[in-house]
PDB file of N, CA and C in Angstrom:
ATOM      1  N   MET A   1     114.189 136.503  94.908  1.00  0.00           N
ATOM      2  CA  MET A   1     114.401 135.814  94.979  1.00  0.00           C
ATOM      3  C   MET A   1     115.815 134.935  94.618  1.00  0.00           C
ATOM      4  N   PRO A   2     116.229 135.654  93.664  1.00  0.00           N
ATOM      5  CA  PRO A   2     118.149 135.330  93.217  1.00  0.00           C
ATOM      6  C   PRO A   2     119.244 136.183  94.522  1.00  0.00           C
ATOM      7  N   ASP A   3     118.786 137.142  95.416  1.00  0.00           N
ATOM      8  CA  ASP A   3     119.394 137.987  96.452  1.00  0.00           C
ATOM      9  C   ASP A   3     119.649 137.194  97.566  1.00  0.00           C
ATOM     10  N   LEU A   4     118.169 136.030  97.554  1.00  0.00           N
ATOM     11  CA  LEU A   4     118.022 135.737  98.589  1.00  0.00           C
ATOM     12  C   LEU A   4     119.650 134.009  98.773  1.00  0.00           C
ATOM     13  N   LEU A   5     119.000 133.630  97.595  1.00  0.00           N
ATOM     14  CA  LEU A   5     120.498 132.666  97.038  1.00  0.00           C
ATOM     15  C   LEU A   5     121.742 132.683  96.415  1.00  0.00           C
ATOM     16  N   ARG A   6     121.812 133.942  96.425  1.00  0.00           N
ATOM     17  CA  ARG A   6     122.777 134.964  96.613  1.00  0.00           C
ATOM     18  C   ARG A   6     124.083 134.603  97.622  1.00  0.00           C
ATOM     19  N   HIS A   7     123.003 135.791  98.774  1.00  0.00           N
ATOM     20  CA  HIS A   7     123.073 135.605 100.127  1.00  0.00           C
ATOM     21  C   HIS A   7     123.524 134.065 100.969  1.00  0.00           C
ATOM     22  N   TYR A   8     123.102 133.076 100.826  1.00  0.00           N
ATOM     23  CA  TYR A   8     122.963 131.727 101.298  1.00  0.00           C
ATOM     24  C   TYR A   8     124.445 130.551 100.285  1.00  0.00           C
ATOM     25  N   LEU A   9     125.169 131.118  99.478  1.00  0.00           N
ATOM     26  CA  LEU A   9     125.240 131.094  98.604  1.00  0.00           C
ATOM     27  C   LEU A   9     126.790 129.039  99.090  1.00  0.00           C
ATOM     28  N   GLU A  10     127.157 129.485 100.515  1.00  0.00           N
ATOM     29  CA  GLU A  10     128.329 128.188 100.653  1.00  0.00           C
ATOM     30  C   GLU A  10     127.113 127.554 100.990  1.00  0.00           C
ATOM     31  N   LEU A  11     125.438 127.378 101.926  1.00  0.00           N
ATOM     32  CA  LEU A  11     125.108 126.167 101.640  1.00  0.00           C
ATOM     33  C   LEU A  11     124.359 125.614 100.243  1.00  0.00           C
ATOM     34  N   PHE A  12     124.387 126.203 100.000  1.00  0.00           N
ATOM     35  CA  PHE A  12     124.947 125.139  98.766  1.00  0.00           C
ATOM     36  C   PHE A  12     125.482 123.945  97.677  1.00  0.00           C
ATOM     37  N   SER A  13     125.894 122.986  97.439  1.00  0.00           N
ATOM     38  CA  SER A  13     126.851 122.248  97.295  1.00  0.00           C
ATOM     39  C   SER A  13     126.349 121.624  95.792  1.00  0.00           C
ATOM     40  N   ASP A  14     127.116 120.378  94.592  1.00  0.00           N
ATOM     41  CA  ASP A  14     126.854 120.037  93.463  1.00  0.00           C
ATOM     42  C   ASP A  14     127.249 118.538  94.492  1.00  0.00           C
ATOM     43  N   LYS A  15     127.310 118.396  95.443  1.00  0.00           N
ATOM     44  CA  LYS A  15     128.293 116.837  95.914  1.00  0.00           C
ATOM     45  C   LYS A  15     126.322 116.032  96.934  1.00  0.00           C
ATOM     46  N   PRO A  16     125.915 115.369  96.718  1.00  0.00           N
ATOM     47  CA  PRO A  16     125.004 115.154  98.285  1.00  0.00           C
ATOM     48  C   PRO A  16     125.475 115.210  99.539  1.00  0.00           C
ATOM     49  N   GLY A  17     124.802 115.689 100.801  1.00  0.00           N
ATOM     50  CA  GLY A  17     125.502 114.922 102.343  1.00  0.00           C
ATOM     51  C   GLY A  17     124.475 114.539 102.615  1.00  0.00           C
ATOM     52  N   ARG A  18     124.812 115.243 104.051  1.00  0.00           N
ATOM     53  CA  ARG A  18     123.213 115.327 105.163  1.00  0.00           C
ATOM     54  C   ARG A  18     123.790 115.905 106.697  1.00  0.00           C
ATOM     55  N   THR A  19     122.522 115.538 107.086  1.00  0.00           N
ATOM     56  CA  THR A  19     122.124 116.589 108.027  1.00  0.00           C
ATOM     57  C   THR A  19     122.267 115.680 109.864  1.00  0.00           C
ATOM     58  N   ASP A  20     122.738 115.991 110.360  1.00  0.00           N
ATOM     59  CA  ASP A  20     122.220 115.960 111.687  1.00  0.00           C
ATOM     60  C   ASP A  20     120.911 116.831 112.802  1.00  0.00           C
ATOM     61  N   LEU A  21     120.522 117.387 112.073  1.00  0.00           N
ATOM     62  CA  LEU A  21     119.904 118.338 112.199  1.00  0.00           C
ATOM     63  C   LEU A  21     118.510 117.844 112.449  1.00  0.00           C
ATOM     64  N   ILE A  22     118.072 117.146 111.917  1.00  0.00           N
ATOM     65  CA  ILE A  22     116.489 115.877 112.225  1.00  0.00           C
ATOM     66  C   ILE A  22     117.048 115.140 112.034  1.00  0.00           C
ATOM     67  N   GLU A  23     116.139 114.605 112.806  1.00  0.00           N
ATOM     68  CA  GLU A  23     116.701 112.754 112.617  1.00  0.00           C
ATOM     69  C   GLU A  23     114.608 112.125 112.023  1.00  0.00           C
ATOM     70  N   HIS A  24     114.564 111.217 110.958  1.00  0.00           N
ATOM     71  CA  HIS A  24     114.219 110.933 110.660  1.00  0.00           C
ATOM     72  C   HIS A  24     113.030 108.797 111.132  1.00  0.00           C
ATOM     73  N   GLY A  25     112.018 109.014 112.059  1.00  0.00           N
ATOM     74  CA  GLY A  25     112.459 107.740 112.159  1.00  0.00           C
ATOM     75  C   GLY A  25     110.645 107.279 110.819  1.00  0.00           C
ATOM     76  N   MET A  26     110.491 106.198 111.445  1.00  0.00           N
ATOM     77  CA  MET A  26     109.431 105.154 110.801  1.00  0.00           C
ATOM     78  C   MET A  26     108.802 104.428 111.199  1.00  0.00           C
ATOM     79  N   ILE A  27     107.719 104.174 111.693  1.00  0.00           N
ATOM     80  CA  ILE A  27     106.561 103.570 111.590  1.00  0.00           C
ATOM     81  C   ILE A  27     106.079 102.489 110.940  1.00  0.00           C
ATOM     82  N   CYS A  28     106.844 100.591 111.247  1.00  0.00           N
ATOM     83  CA  CYS A  28     106.792  99.702 110.370  1.00  0.00           C
ATOM     84  C   CYS A  28     105.070  98.748 111.014  1.00  0.00           C
ATOM     85  N   ASN A  29     104.720  98.666 110.034  1.00  0.00           N
ATOM     86  CA  ASN A  29     102.945  97.618 110.215  1.00  0.00           C
ATOM     87  C   ASN A  29     103.268  96.594 110.059  1.00  0.00           C
ATOM     88  N   THR A  30     104.381  95.947 110.174  1.00  0.00           N
ATOM     89  CA  THR A  30     104.619  94.553 110.386  1.00  0.00           C
ATOM     90  C   THR A  30     105.167  94.604 111.512  1.00  0.00           C
ATOM     91  N   ASP A  31     105.869  92.820 112.192  1.00  0.00           N
ATOM     92  CA  ASP A  31     107.329  92.902 112.755  1.00  0.00           C
ATOM     93  C   ASP A  31     108.534  91.700 111.580  1.00  0.00           C
ATOM     94  N   GLU A  32     106.959  91.128 110.937  1.00  0.00           N
ATOM     95  CA  GLU A  32     108.075  91.093 109.755  1.00  0.00           C
ATOM     96  C   GLU A  32     109.020  91.646 109.002  1.00  0.00           C
ATOM     97  N   PRO A  33     110.427  91.284 108.832  1.00  0.00           N
ATOM     98  CA  PRO A  33     111.732  92.120 108.107  1.00  0.00           C
ATOM     99  C   PRO A  33     110.971  92.242 106.721  1.00  0.00           C
ATOM    100  N   ILE A  34     111.071  93.246 105.634  1.00  0.00           N
ATOM    101  CA  ILE A  34     111.060  92.950 104.788  1.00  0.00           C
ATOM    102  C   ILE A  34     112.229  92.365 104.035  1.00  0.00           C
ATOM    103  N   ARG A  35     112.190  91.732 102.925  1.00  0.00           N
ATOM    104  CA  ARG A  35     113.221  91.283 102.049  1.00  0.00           C
ATOM    105  C   ARG A  35     112.989  91.051 101.352  1.00  0.00           C
ATOM    106  N   THR A  36     113.086  92.220 100.771  1.00  0.00           N
ATOM    107  CA  THR A  36     112.949  91.758  98.261  1.00  0.00           C
ATOM    108  C   THR A  36     114.275  91.800  97.193  1.00  0.00           C
ATOM    109  N   LYS A  37     113.967  90.109  96.841  1.00  0.00           N
ATOM    110  CA  LYS A  37     115.157  90.436  96.087  1.00  0.00           C
ATOM    111  C   LYS A  37     115.635  90.062  94.950  1.00  0.00           C
ATOM    112  N   MET A  38     116.577  90.868  95.030  1.00  0.00           N
ATOM    113  CA  MET A  38     116.871  91.512  93.581  1.00  0.00           C
ATOM    114  C   MET A  38     117.143  91.304  92.380  1.00  0.00           C
ATOM    115  N   ASP A  39     116.915  91.362  90.878  1.00  0.00           N
ATOM    116  CA  ASP A  39     116.636  91.265  89.329  1.00  0.00           C
ATOM    117  C   ASP A  39     117.813  90.891  89.235  1.00  0.00           C
ATOM    118  N   PRO A  40     118.309  89.949  88.875  1.00  0.00           N
ATOM    119  CA  PRO A  40     120.040  89.874  88.140  1.00  0.00           C
ATOM    120  C   PRO A  40     120.658  91.014  87.785  1.00  0.00           C
ATOM    121  N   MET A  41     121.768  91.867  87.931  1.00  0.00           N
ATOM    122  CA  MET A  41     122.219  92.645  86.969  1.00  0.00           C
ATOM    123  C   MET A  41     122.680  92.682  85.588  1.00  0.00           C
ATOM    124  N   PRO A  42     122.602  93.224  84.962  1.00  0.00           N
ATOM    125  CA  PRO A  42     124.004  92.542  83.156  1.00  0.00           C
ATOM    126  C   PRO A  42     125.026  93.201  83.663  1.00  0.00           C
ATOM    127  N   TYR A  43     126.040  91.988  83.462  1.00  0.00           N
ATOM    128  CA  TYR A  43     127.100  91.909  83.883  1.00  0.00           C
ATOM    129  C   TYR A  43     128.429  93.798  82.870  1.00  0.00           C
ATOM    130  N   SER A  44     127.450  94.472  82.127  1.00  0.00           N
ATOM    131  CA  SER A  44     127.798  95.624  81.748  1.00  0.00           C
ATOM    132  C   SER A  44     127.515  96.658  82.888  1.00  0.00           C
ATOM    133  N   VAL A  45     126.925  96.685  84.056  1.00  0.00           N
ATOM    134  CA  VAL A  45     126.835  97.735  84.577  1.00  0.00           C
ATOM    135  C   VAL A  45     127.470  97.346  86.332  1.00  0.00           C
ATOM    136  N   ARG A  46     127.118  96.473  85.594  1.00  0.00           N
ATOM    137  CA  ARG A  46     127.863  96.171  87.455  1.00  0.00           C
ATOM    138  C   ARG A  46     129.221  96.929  88.143  1.00  0.00           C
ATOM    139  N   GLU A  47     130.170  97.494  87.267  1.00  0.00           N
ATOM    140  CA  GLU A  47     131.231  98.061  87.414  1.00  0.00           C
ATOM    141  C   GLU A  47     130.272  99.785  87.913  1.00  0.00           C
ATOM    142  N   SER A  48     129.654 100.226  86.353  1.00  0.00           N
ATOM    143  CA  SER A  48     129.513 101.449  87.195  1.00  0.00           C
ATOM    144  C   SER A  48     128.331 101.026  88.825  1.00  0.00           C
ATOM    145  N   ILE A  49     128.055 100.349  89.504  1.00  0.00           N
ATOM    146  CA  ILE A  49     126.677  99.744  90.485  1.00  0.00           C
ATOM    147  C   ILE A  49     128.044 100.144  91.613  1.00  0.00           C
ATOM    148  N   GLY A  50     129.158  98.936  90.612  1.00  0.00           N
ATOM    149  CA  GLY A  50     130.628  99.438  92.264  1.00  0.00           C
ATOM    150  C   GLY A  50     130.505 100.555  92.223  1.00  0.00           C
ATOM    151  N   ASP A  51     130.852 101.608  91.728  1.00  0.00           N
ATOM    152  CA  ASP A  51     131.656 103.159  91.412  1.00  0.00           C
ATOM    153  C   ASP A  51     130.608 103.573  92.180  1.00  0.00           C
ATOM    154  N   GLU A  52     129.255 104.146  91.685  1.00  0.00           N
ATOM    155  CA  GLU A  52     127.991 104.801  92.863  1.00  0.00           C
ATOM    156  C   GLU A  52     127.837 104.100  94.219  1.00  0.00           C
ATOM    157  N   ILE A  53     128.768 102.496  94.475  1.00  0.00           N
ATOM    158  CA  ILE A  53     128.349 102.734  95.794  1.00  0.00           C
ATOM    159  C   ILE A  53     129.600 102.901  96.628  1.00  0.00           C
ATOM    160  N   HIS A  54     130.652 103.130  96.067  1.00  0.00           N
ATOM    161  CA  HIS A  54     131.925 102.990  96.282  1.00  0.00           C
ATOM    162  C   HIS A  54     131.805 104.796  96.757  1.00  0.00           C
ATOM    163  N   SER A  55     130.974 105.615  95.596  1.00  0.00           N
ATOM    164  CA  SER A  55     131.316 107.792  95.827  1.00  0.00           C
ATOM    165  C   SER A  55     130.765 107.701  97.131  1.00  0.00           C
ATOM    166  N   MET A  56     129.401 106.826  97.326  1.00  0.00           N
ATOM    167  CA  MET A  56     128.259 106.882  97.889  1.00  0.00           C
ATOM    168  C   MET A  56     129.244 106.588  99.350  1.00  0.00           C
ATOM    169  N   LEU A  57     129.790 105.960  99.917  1.00  0.00           N
ATOM    170  CA  LEU A  57     130.262 105.687 101.224  1.00  0.00           C
ATOM    171  C   LEU A  57     131.202 106.270 101.401  1.00  0.00           C
ATOM    172  N   GLN A  58     131.789 107.311 100.245  1.00  0.00           N
ATOM    173  CA  GLN A  58     133.240 108.313 100.151  1.00  0.00           C
ATOM    174  C   GLN A  58     132.334 109.224 100.956  1.00  0.00           C
ATOM    175  N   LEU A  59     131.329 109.942 100.439  1.00  0.00           N
ATOM    176  CA  LEU A  59     130.312 111.253 100.669  1.00  0.00           C
ATOM    177  C   LEU A  59     129.668 110.921 101.908  1.00  0.00           C
ATOM    178  N   HIS A  60     129.510 109.761 102.953  1.00  0.00           N
ATOM    179  CA  HIS A  60     129.067 109.314 103.496  1.00  0.00           C
ATOM    180  C   HIS A  60     127.420 110.078 104.068  1.00  0.00           C
ATOM    181  N   VAL A  61     126.851 109.100 102.680  1.00  0.00           N
ATOM    182  CA  VAL A  61     125.603 109.299 102.401  1.00  0.00           C
ATOM    183  C   VAL A  61     124.891 108.018 102.088  1.00  0.00           C
ATOM    184  N   ILE A  62     125.923 106.633 102.165  1.00  0.00           N
ATOM    185  CA  ILE A  62     124.942 105.751 103.544  1.00  0.00           C
ATOM    186  C   ILE A  62     126.395 105.570 104.179  1.00  0.00           C
ATOM    187  N   GLU A  63     125.287 104.357 104.687  1.00  0.00           N
ATOM    188  CA  GLU A  63     126.884 103.126 105.321  1.00  0.00           C
ATOM    189  C   GLU A  63     126.803 102.229 105.288  1.00  0.00           C
ATOM    190  N   GLU A  64     127.687 101.615 105.911  1.00  0.00           N
ATOM    191  CA  GLU A  64     127.327  99.844 105.521  1.00  0.00           C
ATOM    192  C   GLU A  64     126.757  98.963 107.192  1.00  0.00           C
ATOM    193  N   THR A  65     125.552  98.238 106.586  1.00  0.00           N
ATOM    194  CA  THR A  65     125.325  98.271 107.806  1.00  0.00           C
ATOM    195  C   THR A  65     124.828  96.597 107.438  1.00  0.00           C
ATOM    196  N   ILE A  66     124.431  96.289 108.437  1.00  0.00           N
ATOM    197  CA  ILE A  66     123.674  94.594 108.828  1.00  0.00           C
ATOM    198  C   ILE A  66     121.575  95.090 108.787  1.00  0.00           C
ATOM    199  N   SER A  67     120.786  94.611 107.800  1.00  0.00           N
ATOM    200  CA  SER A  67     119.961  94.077 108.199  1.00  0.00           C
ATOM    201  C   SER A  67     119.359  93.118 108.053  1.00  0.00           C
ATOM    202  N   PRO A  68     117.763  92.877 108.914  1.00  0.00           N
ATOM    203  CA  PRO A  68     117.144  91.883 108.173  1.00  0.00           C
ATOM    204  C   PRO A  68     116.067  92.557 106.983  1.00  0.00           C
ATOM    205  N   TYR A  69     116.756  94.509 107.425  1.00  0.00           N
ATOM    206  CA  TYR A  69     115.484  94.404 105.732  1.00  0.00           C
ATOM    207  C   TYR A  69     116.409  94.682 104.629  1.00  0.00           C
ATOM    208  N   VAL A  70     115.991  94.165 103.452  1.00  0.00           N
ATOM    209  CA  VAL A  70     116.202  93.996 102.198  1.00  0.00           C
ATOM    210  C   VAL A  70     116.179  95.031 100.692  1.00  0.00           C
ATOM    211  N   SER A  71     116.034  95.775 100.188  1.00  0.00           N
ATOM    212  CA  SER A  71     115.635  96.203  98.954  1.00  0.00           C
ATOM    213  C   SER A  71     116.024  96.208  97.830  1.00  0.00           C
ATOM    214  N   PRO A  72     115.823  96.165  96.839  1.00  0.00           N
ATOM    215  CA  PRO A  72     116.886  95.354  96.074  1.00  0.00           C
ATOM    216  C   PRO A  72     117.021  97.345  95.264  1.00  0.00           C
ATOM    217  N   ILE A  73     118.394  97.454  94.820  1.00  0.00           N
ATOM    218  CA  ILE A  73     118.940  98.931  93.753  1.00  0.00           C
ATOM    219  C   ILE A  73     118.438  98.838  92.359  1.00  0.00           C
ATOM    220  N   ILE A  74     117.591  99.461  91.484  1.00  0.00           N
ATOM    221  CA  ILE A  74     117.607  99.653  89.693  1.00  0.00           C
ATOM    222  C   ILE A  74     118.683 100.553  89.647  1.00  0.00           C
ATOM    223  N   LEU A  75     118.244 100.584  88.543  1.00  0.00           N
ATOM    224  CA  LEU A  75     119.295 101.383  87.155  1.00  0.00           C
ATOM    225  C   LEU A  75     117.869 101.630  87.107  1.00  0.00           C
ATOM    226  N   VAL A  76     117.669 103.741  86.783  1.00  0.00           N
ATOM    227  CA  VAL A  76     116.606 104.591  85.689  1.00  0.00           C
ATOM    228  C   VAL A  76     117.573 105.010  84.090  1.00  0.00           C
ATOM    229  N   LYS A  77     117.610 104.622  83.121  1.00  0.00           N
ATOM    230  CA  LYS A  77     117.999 105.649  81.840  1.00  0.00           C
ATOM    231  C   LYS A  77     117.713 107.062  82.099  1.00  0.00           C
ATOM    232  N   LYS A  78     117.933 107.696  82.188  1.00  0.00           N
ATOM    233  CA  LYS A  78     118.127 109.161  82.249  1.00  0.00           C
ATOM    234  C   LYS A  78     118.222 109.707  80.894  1.00  0.00           C
ATOM    235  N   LYS A  79     117.894 110.612  80.510  1.00  0.00           N
ATOM    236  CA  LYS A  79     117.653 111.170  79.197  1.00  0.00           C
ATOM    237  C   LYS A  79     118.688 111.271  78.329  1.00  0.00           C
ATOM    238  N   ASP A  80     120.375 111.687  78.903  1.00  0.00           N
ATOM    239  CA  ASP A  80     121.110 111.500  78.605  1.00  0.00           C
ATOM    240  C   ASP A  80     122.206 110.350  78.243  1.00  0.00           C
ATOM    241  N   ASN A  81     121.375 109.460  78.429  1.00  0.00           N
ATOM    242  CA  ASN A  81     121.562 107.948  79.042  1.00  0.00           C
ATOM    243  C   ASN A  81     122.550 107.389  79.697  1.00  0.00           C
ATOM    244  N   THR A  82     122.643 107.698  80.960  1.00  0.00           N
ATOM    245  CA  THR A  82     123.631 108.238  82.459  1.00  0.00           C
ATOM    246  C   THR A  82     122.733 106.633  83.021  1.00  0.00           C
ATOM    247  N   ASN A  83     122.980 106.242  83.741  1.00  0.00           N
ATOM    248  CA  ASN A  83     121.470 105.887  84.467  1.00  0.00           C
ATOM    249  C   ASN A  83     121.869 106.421  85.901  1.00  0.00           C
ATOM    250  N   ARG A  84     120.713 106.736  86.511  1.00  0.00           N
ATOM    251  CA  ARG A  84     120.168 106.526  88.069  1.00  0.00           C
ATOM    252  C   ARG A  84     119.604 105.645  88.840  1.00  0.00           C
ATOM    253  N   PHE A  85     120.824 105.978  89.910  1.00  0.00           N
ATOM    254  CA  PHE A  85     121.162 104.523  90.595  1.00  0.00           C
ATOM    255  C   PHE A  85     119.925 104.765  91.701  1.00  0.00           C
ATOM    256  N   CYS A  86     118.647 103.885  91.417  1.00  0.00           N
ATOM    257  CA  CYS A  86     117.591 104.395  93.343  1.00  0.00           C
ATOM    258  C   CYS A  86     117.370 102.755  93.242  1.00  0.00           C
ATOM    259  N   VAL A  87     117.170 103.053  94.566  1.00  0.00           N
ATOM    260  CA  VAL A  87     116.423 102.369  95.860  1.00  0.00           C
ATOM    261  C   VAL A  87     114.717 101.777  95.484  1.00  0.00           C
ATOM    262  N   ASP A  88     114.817 100.569  94.617  1.00  0.00           N
ATOM    263  CA  ASP A  88     112.829  99.733  95.400  1.00  0.00           C
ATOM    264  C   ASP A  88     112.541  99.867  96.289  1.00  0.00           C
ATOM    265  N   TYR A  89     111.793 100.829  96.863  1.00  0.00           N
ATOM    266  CA  TYR A  89     111.196 100.866  98.553  1.00  0.00           C
ATOM    267  C   TYR A  89     109.467 100.352  98.576  1.00  0.00           C
ATOM    268  N   ARG A  90     108.767  99.886  97.100  1.00  0.00           N
ATOM    269  CA  ARG A  90     108.068  99.629  97.432  1.00  0.00           C
ATOM    270  C   ARG A  90     106.891  98.969  97.864  1.00  0.00           C
ATOM    271  N   MET A  91     107.698  97.708  98.511  1.00  0.00           N
ATOM    272  CA  MET A  91     106.922  96.502  99.087  1.00  0.00           C
ATOM    273  C   MET A  91     106.967  97.333 100.843  1.00  0.00           C
ATOM    274  N   PHE A  92     108.233  97.743 100.956  1.00  0.00           N
ATOM    275  CA  PHE A  92     109.137  98.691 102.882  1.00  0.00           C
ATOM    276  C   PHE A  92     107.930  99.147 102.369  1.00  0.00           C
ATOM    277  N   ASN A  93     107.838 100.105 101.206  1.00  0.00           N
ATOM    278  CA  ASN A  93     106.359 101.532 101.422  1.00  0.00           C
ATOM    279  C   ASN A  93     105.363 100.843 101.562  1.00  0.00           C
ATOM    280  N   LYS A  94     104.411  99.501 101.485  1.00  0.00           N
ATOM    281  CA  LYS A  94     103.155  99.410 101.698  1.00  0.00           C
ATOM    282  C   LYS A  94     103.161  98.672 103.035  1.00  0.00           C
ATOM    283  N   VAL A  95     104.675  98.508 103.940  1.00  0.00           N
ATOM    284  CA  VAL A  95     104.145  98.354 105.099  1.00  0.00           C
ATOM    285  C   VAL A  95     104.669  99.556 106.888  1.00  0.00           C
ATOM    286  N   THR A  96     105.209 100.382 105.497  1.00  0.00           N
ATOM    287  CA  THR A  96     105.155 101.714 106.882  1.00  0.00           C
ATOM    288  C   THR A  96     103.604 102.810 106.741  1.00  0.00           C
ATOM    289  N   ALA A  97     103.644 102.807 108.207  1.00  0.00           N
ATOM    290  CA  ALA A  97     102.701 104.067 107.919  1.00  0.00           C
ATOM    291  C   ALA A  97     102.955 105.190 107.722  1.00  0.00           C
ATOM    292  N   LEU A  98     101.776 105.824 107.360  1.00  0.00           N
ATOM    293  CA  LEU A  98     102.713 108.130 106.408  1.00  0.00           C
ATOM    294  C   LEU A  98     102.263 108.536 107.759  1.00  0.00           C
ATOM    295  N   ILE A  99     103.126 109.120 108.349  1.00  0.00           N
ATOM    296  CA  ILE A  99     103.346 110.275 108.900  1.00  0.00           C
ATOM    297  C   ILE A  99     102.861 111.815 107.695  1.00  0.00           C
ATOM    298  N   ARG A 100     101.954 111.815 108.120  1.00  0.00           N
ATOM    299  CA  ARG A 100     101.350 113.477 107.548  1.00  0.00           C
ATOM    300  C   ARG A 100     101.650 114.520 108.580  1.00  0.00           C
ATOM    301  N   ASN A 101     101.936 115.016 110.243  1.00  0.00           N
ATOM    302  CA  ASN A 101     102.646 116.198 110.713  1.00  0.00           C
ATOM    303  C   ASN A 101     104.333 116.133 110.486  1.00  0.00           C
ATOM    304  N   LEU A 102     104.563 115.838 109.693  1.00  0.00           N
ATOM    305  CA  LEU A 102     106.008 115.755 109.459  1.00  0.00           C
ATOM    306  C   LEU A 102     107.021 116.849 109.049  1.00  0.00           C
ATOM    307  N   CYS A 103     105.893 116.992 107.918  1.00  0.00           N
ATOM    308  CA  CYS A 103     107.084 117.664 106.896  1.00  0.00           C
ATOM    309  C   CYS A 103     106.169 119.150 106.886  1.00  0.00           C
ATOM    310  N   LEU A 104     107.500 120.180 107.369  1.00  0.00           N
ATOM    311  CA  LEU A 104     106.656 121.439 107.304  1.00  0.00           C
ATOM    312  C   LEU A 104     106.849 122.344 106.018  1.00  0.00           C
ATOM    313  N   GLY A 105     105.207 123.283 106.124  1.00  0.00           N
ATOM    314  CA  GLY A 105     105.320 124.036 105.024  1.00  0.00           C
ATOM    315  C   GLY A 105     106.377 124.895 105.314  1.00  0.00           C
ATOM    316  N   LYS A 106     107.108 125.888 103.312  1.00  0.00           N
ATOM    317  CA  LYS A 106     108.128 126.066 103.386  1.00  0.00           C
ATOM    318  C   LYS A 106     107.853 128.041 104.713  1.00  0.00           C
ATOM    319  N   GLN A 107     106.478 128.000 103.981  1.00  0.00           N
ATOM    320  CA  GLN A 107     106.613 129.408 105.392  1.00  0.00           C
ATOM    321  C   GLN A 107     107.471 128.688 106.611  1.00  0.00           C
ATOM    322  N   THR A 108     107.568 127.936 106.596  1.00  0.00           N
ATOM    323  CA  THR A 108     108.305 127.422 108.775  1.00  0.00           C
ATOM    324  C   THR A 108     109.743 126.827 108.023  1.00  0.00           C
ATOM    325  N   TYR A 109     109.592 127.091 107.035  1.00  0.00           N
ATOM    326  CA  TYR A 109     111.557 127.567 106.557  1.00  0.00           C
ATOM    327  C   TYR A 109     112.152 128.053 106.404  1.00  0.00           C
ATOM    328  N   LEU A 110     111.562 129.149 105.706  1.00  0.00           N
ATOM    329  CA  LEU A 110     111.994 130.570 105.291  1.00  0.00           C
ATOM    330  C   LEU A 110     112.230 131.236 106.481  1.00  0.00           C
ATOM    331  N   GLN A 111     111.604 130.994 107.949  1.00  0.00           N
ATOM    332  CA  GLN A 111     111.092 131.918 108.747  1.00  0.00           C
ATOM    333  C   GLN A 111     112.419 131.135 110.229  1.00  0.00           C
ATOM    334  N   SER A 112     112.335 129.764 110.051  1.00  0.00           N
ATOM    335  CA  SER A 112     113.750 129.574 110.377  1.00  0.00           C
ATOM    336  C   SER A 112     114.672 129.985 110.485  1.00  0.00           C
TER     337      SER A 112
END
């Protein structure tokens, strides 16, 4: 396995990215948009939230949008005492249909 990883080393990066090789769709079980209110964030973390959002915009991992759907961000403390930036999709997940056949087995990926 290490030889395989070394052969395709150029495919790996420490920076997040995106692909245009596949599109993801979701089926929502309601016509009513999900709008979850965000709890107030402490002043001590607001700057790091802004920095993280700016960084993700620069990397094109996220994009600005106007949407009737709103899911709050949350910060989760990691073992090294830094924050992990997360989105709380729990309310949205409750109204989306699970599509099982979109997941491919690892053999399918290896054969591609």
